[in-house]
Amino acid sequence: MNTVFIVQHVHLLLPQEDEDVKLIGAYRSLQSAHAAIKRMASAPGFRDHPNVVDSTYIGVGAGEGFHISEYRLDEDNWTSGYVTQTN
């Protein structure tokens, strides 16, 4: 196995629309990731946004729900650095 599936849950904090992201877990297979979502989807908070997010959909609230990301093991995933913007 060379990959892992990361499950996170995202919802927006209003009025500023900041994202609240929770790491659910890391799983060996896509099937295990979906099983975790099924277990969590009825829990308080998660049940307000129980769907798996389709990353191709864009719109208000489009990112709210469960996200599954596949990552290759022993590989850097964020290599470009970052810049923090201040108001």
PDB file of N, CA and C in Angstrom:
ATOM      1  N   MET A   1       0.849  -1.181   0.000  1.00  0.00           N
ATOM      2  CA  MET A   1       0.000   0.000   0.000  1.00  0.00           C
ATOM      3  C   MET A   1       0.889   1.237   0.000  1.00  0.00           C
ATOM      4  N   ASN A   2       0.645   2.123  -0.955  1.00  0.00           N
ATOM      5  CA  ASN A   2       1.431   3.339  -1.067  1.00  0.00           C
ATOM      6  C   ASN A   2       0.633   4.603  -0.825  1.00  0.00           C
ATOM      7  N   THR A   3      -0.657   4.451  -0.491  1.00  0.00           N
ATOM      8  CA  THR A   3      -1.489   5.633  -0.267  1.00  0.00           C
ATOM      9  C   THR A   3      -2.287   5.490   1.021  1.00  0.00           C
ATOM     10  N   VAL A   4      -2.775   6.622   1.485  1.00  0.00           N
ATOM     11  CA  VAL A   4      -3.651   6.682   2.640  1.00  0.00           C
ATOM     12  C   VAL A   4      -4.785   7.642   2.281  1.00  0.00           C
ATOM     13  N   PHE A   5      -5.964   7.400   2.835  1.00  0.00           N
ATOM     14  CA  PHE A   5      -7.125   8.251   2.581  1.00  0.00           C
ATOM     15  C   PHE A   5      -7.427   9.038   3.847  1.00  0.00           C
ATOM     16  N   ILE A   6      -7.365  10.361   3.745  1.00  0.00           N
ATOM     17  CA  ILE A   6      -7.613  11.261   4.868  1.00  0.00           C
ATOM     18  C   ILE A   6      -9.048  11.751   4.783  1.00  0.00           C
ATOM     19  N   VAL A   7      -9.775  11.642   5.897  1.00  0.00           N
ATOM     20  CA  VAL A   7     -11.147  12.143   5.965  1.00  0.00           C
ATOM     21  C   VAL A   7     -11.171  13.346   6.903  1.00  0.00           C
ATOM     22  N   GLN A   8     -11.719  14.446   6.392  1.00  0.00           N
ATOM     23  CA  GLN A   8     -11.904  15.651   7.189  1.00  0.00           C
ATOM     24  C   GLN A   8     -13.349  16.114   7.047  1.00  0.00           C
ATOM     25  N   HIS A   9     -13.800  16.897   8.024  1.00  0.00           N
ATOM     26  CA  HIS A   9     -15.133  17.490   7.937  1.00  0.00           C
ATOM     27  C   HIS A   9     -14.970  19.003   8.007  1.00  0.00           C
ATOM     28  N   VAL A  10     -15.675  19.703   7.117  1.00  0.00           N
ATOM     29  CA  VAL A  10     -15.581  21.161   7.037  1.00  0.00           C
ATOM     30  C   VAL A  10     -16.972  21.764   7.179  1.00  0.00           C
ATOM     31  N   HIS A  11     -17.053  22.828   7.990  1.00  0.00           N
ATOM     32  CA  HIS A  11     -18.256  23.662   7.960  1.00  0.00           C
ATOM     33  C   HIS A  11     -17.837  25.112   8.159  1.00  0.00           C
ATOM     34  N   LEU A  12     -18.698  26.033   7.735  1.00  0.00           N
ATOM     35  CA  LEU A  12     -18.380  27.453   7.797  1.00  0.00           C
ATOM     36  C   LEU A  12     -18.865  28.067   9.090  1.00  0.00           C
ATOM     37  N   LEU A  13     -18.023  28.927   9.659  1.00  0.00           N
ATOM     38  CA  LEU A  13     -18.394  29.700  10.840  1.00  0.00           C
ATOM     39  C   LEU A  13     -18.848  31.073  10.361  1.00  0.00           C
ATOM     40  N   LEU A  14     -20.098  31.391  10.610  1.00  0.00           N
ATOM     41  CA  LEU A  14     -20.657  32.661  10.148  1.00  0.00           C
ATOM     42  C   LEU A  14     -20.499  33.724  11.231  1.00  0.00           C
ATOM     43  N   PRO A  15     -20.433  34.991  10.950  1.00  0.00           N
ATOM     44  CA  PRO A  15     -20.710  35.618   9.658  1.00  0.00           C
ATOM     45  C   PRO A  15     -19.470  35.741   8.758  1.00  0.00           C
ATOM     46  N   GLN A  16     -18.277  35.520   9.291  1.00  0.00           N
ATOM     47  CA  GLN A  16     -17.068  35.751   8.505  1.00  0.00           C
ATOM     48  C   GLN A  16     -16.734  34.605   7.552  1.00  0.00           C
ATOM     49  N   GLU A  17     -17.448  33.499   7.613  1.00  0.00           N
ATOM     50  CA  GLU A  17     -17.278  32.348   6.735  1.00  0.00           C
ATOM     51  C   GLU A  17     -15.900  31.695   6.857  1.00  0.00           C
ATOM     52  N   ASP A  18     -15.326  31.734   8.058  1.00  0.00           N
ATOM     53  CA  ASP A  18     -14.098  30.983   8.301  1.00  0.00           C
ATOM     54  C   ASP A  18     -14.430  29.499   8.280  1.00  0.00           C
ATOM     55  N   GLU A  19     -13.498  28.684   7.804  1.00  0.00           N
ATOM     56  CA  GLU A  19     -13.716  27.238   7.774  1.00  0.00           C
ATOM     57  C   GLU A  19     -13.293  26.610   9.098  1.00  0.00           C
ATOM     58  N   ASP A  20     -14.129  25.746   9.620  1.00  0.00           N
ATOM     59  CA  ASP A  20     -13.808  24.930  10.790  1.00  0.00           C
ATOM     60  C   ASP A  20     -13.569  23.521  10.265  1.00  0.00           C
ATOM     61  N   VAL A  21     -12.317  23.064  10.329  1.00  0.00           N
ATOM     62  CA  VAL A  21     -11.937  21.778   9.758  1.00  0.00           C
ATOM     63  C   VAL A  21     -11.588  20.806  10.875  1.00  0.00           C
ATOM     64  N   LYS A  22     -12.157  19.620  10.817  1.00  0.00           N
ATOM     65  CA  LYS A  22     -11.874  18.572  11.797  1.00  0.00           C
ATOM     66  C   LYS A  22     -11.303  17.356  11.068  1.00  0.00           C
ATOM     67  N   LEU A  23     -10.158  16.876  11.539  1.00  0.00           N
ATOM     68  CA  LEU A  23      -9.576  15.656  10.992  1.00  0.00           C
ATOM     69  C   LEU A  23     -10.293  14.467  11.609  1.00  0.00           C
ATOM     70  N   ILE A  24     -10.939  13.660  10.782  1.00  0.00           N
ATOM     71  CA  ILE A  24     -11.650  12.476  11.259  1.00  0.00           C
ATOM     72  C   ILE A  24     -10.680  11.312  11.404  1.00  0.00           C
ATOM     73  N   GLY A  25      -9.837  11.088  10.385  1.00  0.00           N
ATOM     74  CA  GLY A  25      -8.877   9.996  10.483  1.00  0.00           C
ATOM     75  C   GLY A  25      -8.185   9.703   9.171  1.00  0.00           C
ATOM     76  N   ALA A  26      -7.252   8.761   9.242  1.00  0.00           N
ATOM     77  CA  ALA A  26      -6.512   8.275   8.077  1.00  0.00           C
ATOM     78  C   ALA A  26      -6.837   6.795   7.905  1.00  0.00           C
ATOM     79  N   TYR A  27      -7.129   6.398   6.667  1.00  0.00           N
ATOM     80  CA  TYR A  27      -7.619   5.046   6.407  1.00  0.00           C
ATOM     81  C   TYR A  27      -6.841   4.381   5.280  1.00  0.00           C
ATOM     82  N   ARG A  28      -6.751   3.056   5.341  1.00  0.00           N
ATOM     83  CA  ARG A  28      -5.991   2.271   4.369  1.00  0.00           C
ATOM     84  C   ARG A  28      -6.680   2.126   3.018  1.00  0.00           C
ATOM     85  N   SER A  29      -7.994   2.327   2.986  1.00  0.00           N
ATOM     86  CA  SER A  29      -8.721   2.148   1.730  1.00  0.00           C
ATOM     87  C   SER A  29      -9.838   3.182   1.631  1.00  0.00           C
ATOM     88  N   LEU A  30     -10.283   3.408   0.405  1.00  0.00           N
ATOM     89  CA  LEU A  30     -11.405   4.310   0.175  1.00  0.00           C
ATOM     90  C   LEU A  30     -12.665   3.764   0.842  1.00  0.00           C
ATOM     91  N   GLN A  31     -12.824   2.455   0.828  1.00  0.00           N
ATOM     92  CA  GLN A  31     -13.988   1.831   1.467  1.00  0.00           C
ATOM     93  C   GLN A  31     -13.995   2.099   2.977  1.00  0.00           C
ATOM     94  N   SER A  32     -12.833   2.033   3.612  1.00  0.00           N
ATOM     95  CA  SER A  32     -12.738   2.319   5.050  1.00  0.00           C
ATOM     96  C   SER A  32     -13.044   3.783   5.335  1.00  0.00           C
ATOM     97  N   ALA A  33     -12.606   4.673   4.445  1.00  0.00           N
ATOM     98  CA  ALA A  33     -12.892   6.097   4.608  1.00  0.00           C
ATOM     99  C   ALA A  33     -14.400   6.344   4.537  1.00  0.00           C
ATOM    100  N   HIS A  34     -15.071   5.722   3.568  1.00  0.00           N
ATOM    101  CA  HIS A  34     -16.527   5.875   3.459  1.00  0.00           C
ATOM    102  C   HIS A  34     -17.245   5.254   4.660  1.00  0.00           C
ATOM    103  N   ALA A  35     -16.727   4.162   5.190  1.00  0.00           N
ATOM    104  CA  ALA A  35     -17.330   3.540   6.377  1.00  0.00           C
ATOM    105  C   ALA A  35     -17.229   4.481   7.582  1.00  0.00           C
ATOM    106  N   ALA A  36     -16.107   5.186   7.707  1.00  0.00           N
ATOM    107  CA  ALA A  36     -15.946   6.150   8.799  1.00  0.00           C
ATOM    108  C   ALA A  36     -16.963   7.274   8.667  1.00  0.00           C
ATOM    109  N   ILE A  37     -17.152   7.760   7.461  1.00  0.00           N
ATOM    110  CA  ILE A  37     -18.140   8.819   7.229  1.00  0.00           C
ATOM    111  C   ILE A  37     -19.532   8.331   7.596  1.00  0.00           C
ATOM    112  N   LYS A  38     -19.851   7.114   7.237  1.00  0.00           N
ATOM    113  CA  LYS A  38     -21.164   6.552   7.578  1.00  0.00           C
ATOM    114  C   LYS A  38     -21.350   6.506   9.098  1.00  0.00           C
ATOM    115  N   ARG A  39     -20.288   6.155   9.830  1.00  0.00           N
ATOM    116  CA  ARG A  39     -20.370   6.110  11.296  1.00  0.00           C
ATOM    117  C   ARG A  39     -20.540   7.506  11.887  1.00  0.00           C
ATOM    118  N   MET A  40     -19.896   8.511  11.308  1.00  0.00           N
ATOM    119  CA  MET A  40     -19.881   9.858  11.879  1.00  0.00           C
ATOM    120  C   MET A  40     -21.059  10.726  11.437  1.00  0.00           C
ATOM    121  N   ALA A  41     -21.669  10.415  10.317  1.00  0.00           N
ATOM    122  CA  ALA A  41     -22.649  11.303   9.682  1.00  0.00           C
ATOM    123  C   ALA A  41     -23.864  11.628  10.543  1.00  0.00           C
ATOM    124  N   SER A  42     -24.186  10.812  11.523  1.00  0.00           N
ATOM    125  CA  SER A  42     -25.355  11.095  12.360  1.00  0.00           C
ATOM    126  C   SER A  42     -24.984  11.718  13.703  1.00  0.00           C
ATOM    127  N   ALA A  43     -23.699  11.948  13.944  1.00  0.00           N
ATOM    128  CA  ALA A  43     -23.255  12.540  15.214  1.00  0.00           C
ATOM    129  C   ALA A  43     -23.546  14.045  15.222  1.00  0.00           C
ATOM    130  N   PRO A  44     -23.737  14.616  16.420  1.00  0.00           N
ATOM    131  CA  PRO A  44     -24.009  16.058  16.519  1.00  0.00           C
ATOM    132  C   PRO A  44     -22.972  16.878  15.748  1.00  0.00           C
ATOM    133  N   GLY A  45     -23.454  17.895  15.070  1.00  0.00           N
ATOM    134  CA  GLY A  45     -22.589  18.746  14.255  1.00  0.00           C
ATOM    135  C   GLY A  45     -22.371  18.164  12.875  1.00  0.00           C
ATOM    136  N   PHE A  46     -21.842  16.951  12.811  1.00  0.00           N
ATOM    137  CA  PHE A  46     -21.610  16.315  11.511  1.00  0.00           C
ATOM    138  C   PHE A  46     -22.918  16.100  10.756  1.00  0.00           C
ATOM    139  N   ARG A  47     -23.977  15.812  11.488  1.00  0.00           N
ATOM    140  CA  ARG A  47     -25.253  15.533  10.824  1.00  0.00           C
ATOM    141  C   ARG A  47     -25.835  16.771  10.138  1.00  0.00           C
ATOM    142  N   ASP A  48     -25.347  17.970  10.503  1.00  0.00           N
ATOM    143  CA  ASP A  48     -25.807  19.192   9.835  1.00  0.00           C
ATOM    144  C   ASP A  48     -25.270  19.284   8.406  1.00  0.00           C
ATOM    145  N   HIS A  49     -24.148  18.629   8.139  1.00  0.00           N
ATOM    146  CA  HIS A  49     -23.526  18.602   6.807  1.00  0.00           C
ATOM    147  C   HIS A  49     -22.966  17.203   6.588  1.00  0.00           C
ATOM    148  N   PRO A  50     -23.840  16.198   6.353  1.00  0.00           N
ATOM    149  CA  PRO A  50     -23.409  14.801   6.328  1.00  0.00           C
ATOM    150  C   PRO A  50     -22.887  14.289   4.990  1.00  0.00           C
ATOM    151  N   ASN A  51     -22.927  15.106   3.966  1.00  0.00           N
ATOM    152  CA  ASN A  51     -22.573  14.621   2.633  1.00  0.00           C
ATOM    153  C   ASN A  51     -21.069  14.641   2.376  1.00  0.00           C
ATOM    154  N   VAL A  52     -20.650  13.805   1.444  1.00  0.00           N
ATOM    155  CA  VAL A  52     -19.277  13.844   0.950  1.00  0.00           C
ATOM    156  C   VAL A  52     -19.223  14.939  -0.098  1.00  0.00           C
ATOM    157  N   VAL A  53     -18.267  15.838   0.036  1.00  0.00           N
ATOM    158  CA  VAL A  53     -18.165  16.994  -0.842  1.00  0.00           C
ATOM    159  C   VAL A  53     -17.574  16.594  -2.186  1.00  0.00           C
ATOM    160  N   ASP A  54     -18.219  17.047  -3.239  1.00  0.00           N
ATOM    161  CA  ASP A  54     -17.706  16.888  -4.594  1.00  0.00           C
ATOM    162  C   ASP A  54     -16.828  18.098  -4.869  1.00  0.00           C
ATOM    163  N   SER A  55     -15.541  17.886  -5.003  1.00  0.00           N
ATOM    164  CA  SER A  55     -14.606  19.003  -5.138  1.00  0.00           C
ATOM    165  C   SER A  55     -14.781  19.772  -6.438  1.00  0.00           C
ATOM    166  N   THR A  56     -15.578  19.280  -7.371  1.00  0.00           N
ATOM    167  CA  THR A  56     -15.797  19.997  -8.627  1.00  0.00           C
ATOM    168  C   THR A  56     -16.929  21.011  -8.512  1.00  0.00           C
ATOM    169  N   TYR A  57     -17.741  20.943  -7.440  1.00  0.00           N
ATOM    170  CA  TYR A  57     -18.853  21.879  -7.267  1.00  0.00           C
ATOM    171  C   TYR A  57     -18.341  23.152  -6.617  1.00  0.00           C
ATOM    172  N   ILE A  58     -18.725  24.303  -7.153  1.00  0.00           N
ATOM    173  CA  ILE A  58     -18.316  25.600  -6.613  1.00  0.00           C
ATOM    174  C   ILE A  58     -19.570  26.392  -6.302  1.00  0.00           C
ATOM    175  N   GLY A  59     -19.620  27.000  -5.117  1.00  0.00           N
ATOM    176  CA  GLY A  59     -20.757  27.829  -4.748  1.00  0.00           C
ATOM    177  C   GLY A  59     -20.765  28.052  -3.255  1.00  0.00           C
ATOM    178  N   VAL A  60     -21.701  28.843  -2.763  1.00  0.00           N
ATOM    179  CA  VAL A  60     -21.798  29.136  -1.344  1.00  0.00           C
ATOM    180  C   VAL A  60     -22.028  27.844  -0.575  1.00  0.00           C
ATOM    181  N   GLY A  61     -21.198  27.583   0.406  1.00  0.00           N
ATOM    182  CA  GLY A  61     -21.336  26.377   1.208  1.00  0.00           C
ATOM    183  C   GLY A  61     -20.884  25.116   0.505  1.00  0.00           C
ATOM    184  N   ALA A  62     -20.254  25.254  -0.662  1.00  0.00           N
ATOM    185  CA  ALA A  62     -19.866  24.085  -1.457  1.00  0.00           C
ATOM    186  C   ALA A  62     -18.887  23.195  -0.728  1.00  0.00           C
ATOM    187  N   GLY A  63     -18.086  23.770   0.169  1.00  0.00           N
ATOM    188  CA  GLY A  63     -17.075  22.982   0.853  1.00  0.00           C
ATOM    189  C   GLY A  63     -17.546  22.329   2.126  1.00  0.00           C
ATOM    190  N   GLU A  64     -18.802  22.532   2.509  1.00  0.00           N
ATOM    191  CA  GLU A  64     -19.274  21.995   3.775  1.00  0.00           C
ATOM    192  C   GLU A  64     -19.625  20.520   3.659  1.00  0.00           C
ATOM    193  N   GLY A  65     -19.089  19.730   4.566  1.00  0.00           N
ATOM    194  CA  GLY A  65     -19.330  18.301   4.580  1.00  0.00           C
ATOM    195  C   GLY A  65     -18.028  17.540   4.728  1.00  0.00           C
ATOM    196  N   PHE A  66     -18.076  16.256   4.404  1.00  0.00           N
ATOM    197  CA  PHE A  66     -16.901  15.390   4.532  1.00  0.00           C
ATOM    198  C   PHE A  66     -16.052  15.459   3.263  1.00  0.00           C
ATOM    199  N   HIS A  67     -14.757  15.508   3.461  1.00  0.00           N
ATOM    200  CA  HIS A  67     -13.799  15.523   2.357  1.00  0.00           C
ATOM    201  C   HIS A  67     -12.921  14.284   2.478  1.00  0.00           C
ATOM    202  N   ILE A  68     -12.699  13.608   1.361  1.00  0.00           N
ATOM    203  CA  ILE A  68     -11.764  12.475   1.315  1.00  0.00           C
ATOM    204  C   ILE A  68     -10.640  12.851   0.367  1.00  0.00           C
ATOM    205  N   SER A  69      -9.410  12.767   0.863  1.00  0.00           N
ATOM    206  CA  SER A  69      -8.235  13.064   0.046  1.00  0.00           C
ATOM    207  C   SER A  69      -7.294  11.873   0.090  1.00  0.00           C
ATOM    208  N   GLU A  70      -6.768  11.513  -1.063  1.00  0.00           N
ATOM    209  CA  GLU A  70      -5.810  10.418  -1.149  1.00  0.00           C
ATOM    210  C   GLU A  70      -4.396  11.002  -1.201  1.00  0.00           C
ATOM    211  N   TYR A  71      -3.521  10.491  -0.337  1.00  0.00           N
ATOM    212  CA  TYR A  71      -2.137  10.946  -0.291  1.00  0.00           C
ATOM    213  C   TYR A  71      -1.195   9.767  -0.448  1.00  0.00           C
ATOM    214  N   ARG A  72      -0.142   9.979  -1.221  1.00  0.00           N
ATOM    215  CA  ARG A  72       0.911   8.976  -1.349  1.00  0.00           C
ATOM    216  C   ARG A  72       1.796   9.074  -0.116  1.00  0.00           C
ATOM    217  N   LEU A  73       2.191   7.926   0.413  1.00  0.00           N
ATOM    218  CA  LEU A  73       3.064   7.888   1.584  1.00  0.00           C
ATOM    219  C   LEU A  73       4.492   8.263   1.205  1.00  0.00           C
ATOM    220  N   ASP A  74       5.213   8.823   2.170  1.00  0.00           N
ATOM    221  CA  ASP A  74       6.620   9.202   2.007  1.00  0.00           C
ATOM    222  C   ASP A  74       6.836  10.183   0.865  1.00  0.00           C
ATOM    223  N   GLU A  75       5.858  11.070   0.668  1.00  0.00           N
ATOM    224  CA  GLU A  75       5.952  12.060  -0.400  1.00  0.00           C
ATOM    225  C   GLU A  75       5.509  13.411   0.150  1.00  0.00           C
ATOM    226  N   ASP A  76       6.265  14.474  -0.148  1.00  0.00           N
ATOM    227  CA  ASP A  76       5.883  15.817   0.273  1.00  0.00           C
ATOM    228  C   ASP A  76       4.655  16.252  -0.504  1.00  0.00           C
ATOM    229  N   ASN A  77       3.691  16.865   0.194  1.00  0.00           N
ATOM    230  CA  ASN A  77       2.457  17.283  -0.447  1.00  0.00           C
ATOM    231  C   ASN A  77       2.287  18.791  -0.512  1.00  0.00           C
ATOM    232  N   TRP A  78       2.978  19.529   0.326  1.00  0.00           N
ATOM    233  CA  TRP A  78       2.866  20.983   0.316  1.00  0.00           C
ATOM    234  C   TRP A  78       4.276  21.518   0.155  1.00  0.00           C
ATOM    235  N   THR A  79       4.660  21.803  -1.064  1.00  0.00           N
ATOM    236  CA  THR A  79       6.049  22.151  -1.342  1.00  0.00           C
ATOM    237  C   THR A  79       6.272  23.606  -1.729  1.00  0.00           C
ATOM    238  N   SER A  80       5.217  24.381  -1.882  1.00  0.00           N
ATOM    239  CA  SER A  80       5.356  25.749  -2.399  1.00  0.00           C
ATOM    240  C   SER A  80       5.488  26.816  -1.315  1.00  0.00           C
ATOM    241  N   GLY A  81       5.492  26.435  -0.042  1.00  0.00           N
ATOM    242  CA  GLY A  81       5.524  27.435   1.023  1.00  0.00           C
ATOM    243  C   GLY A  81       4.168  28.100   1.180  1.00  0.00           C
ATOM    244  N   TYR A  82       4.122  29.193   1.956  1.00  0.00           N
ATOM    245  CA  TYR A  82       2.851  29.915   2.134  1.00  0.00           C
ATOM    246  C   TYR A  82       3.123  31.346   2.554  1.00  0.00           C
ATOM    247  N   VAL A  83       2.135  32.202   2.381  1.00  0.00           N
ATOM    248  CA  VAL A  83       2.197  33.599   2.784  1.00  0.00           C
ATOM    249  C   VAL A  83       0.959  33.873   3.614  1.00  0.00           C
ATOM    250  N   THR A  84       1.138  34.492   4.759  1.00  0.00           N
ATOM    251  CA  THR A  84       0.016  34.887   5.617  1.00  0.00           C
ATOM    252  C   THR A  84      -0.345  36.318   5.306  1.00  0.00           C
ATOM    253  N   GLN A  85      -1.610  36.553   4.979  1.00  0.00           N
ATOM    254  CA  GLN A  85      -2.061  37.901   4.684  1.00  0.00           C
ATOM    255  C   GLN A  85      -2.644  38.527   5.933  1.00  0.00           C
ATOM    256  N   THR A  86      -2.355  39.788   6.157  1.00  0.00           N
ATOM    257  CA  THR A  86      -2.919  40.507   7.296  1.00  0.00           C
ATOM    258  C   THR A  86      -3.884  41.554   6.789  1.00  0.00           C
ATOM    259  N   ASN A  87      -4.843  41.883   7.616  1.00  0.00           N
ATOM    260  CA  ASN A  87      -5.861  42.890   7.218  1.00  0.00           C
ATOM    261  C   ASN A  87      -5.405  44.264   7.567  1.00  0.00           C
TER     262      ASN A  87
END
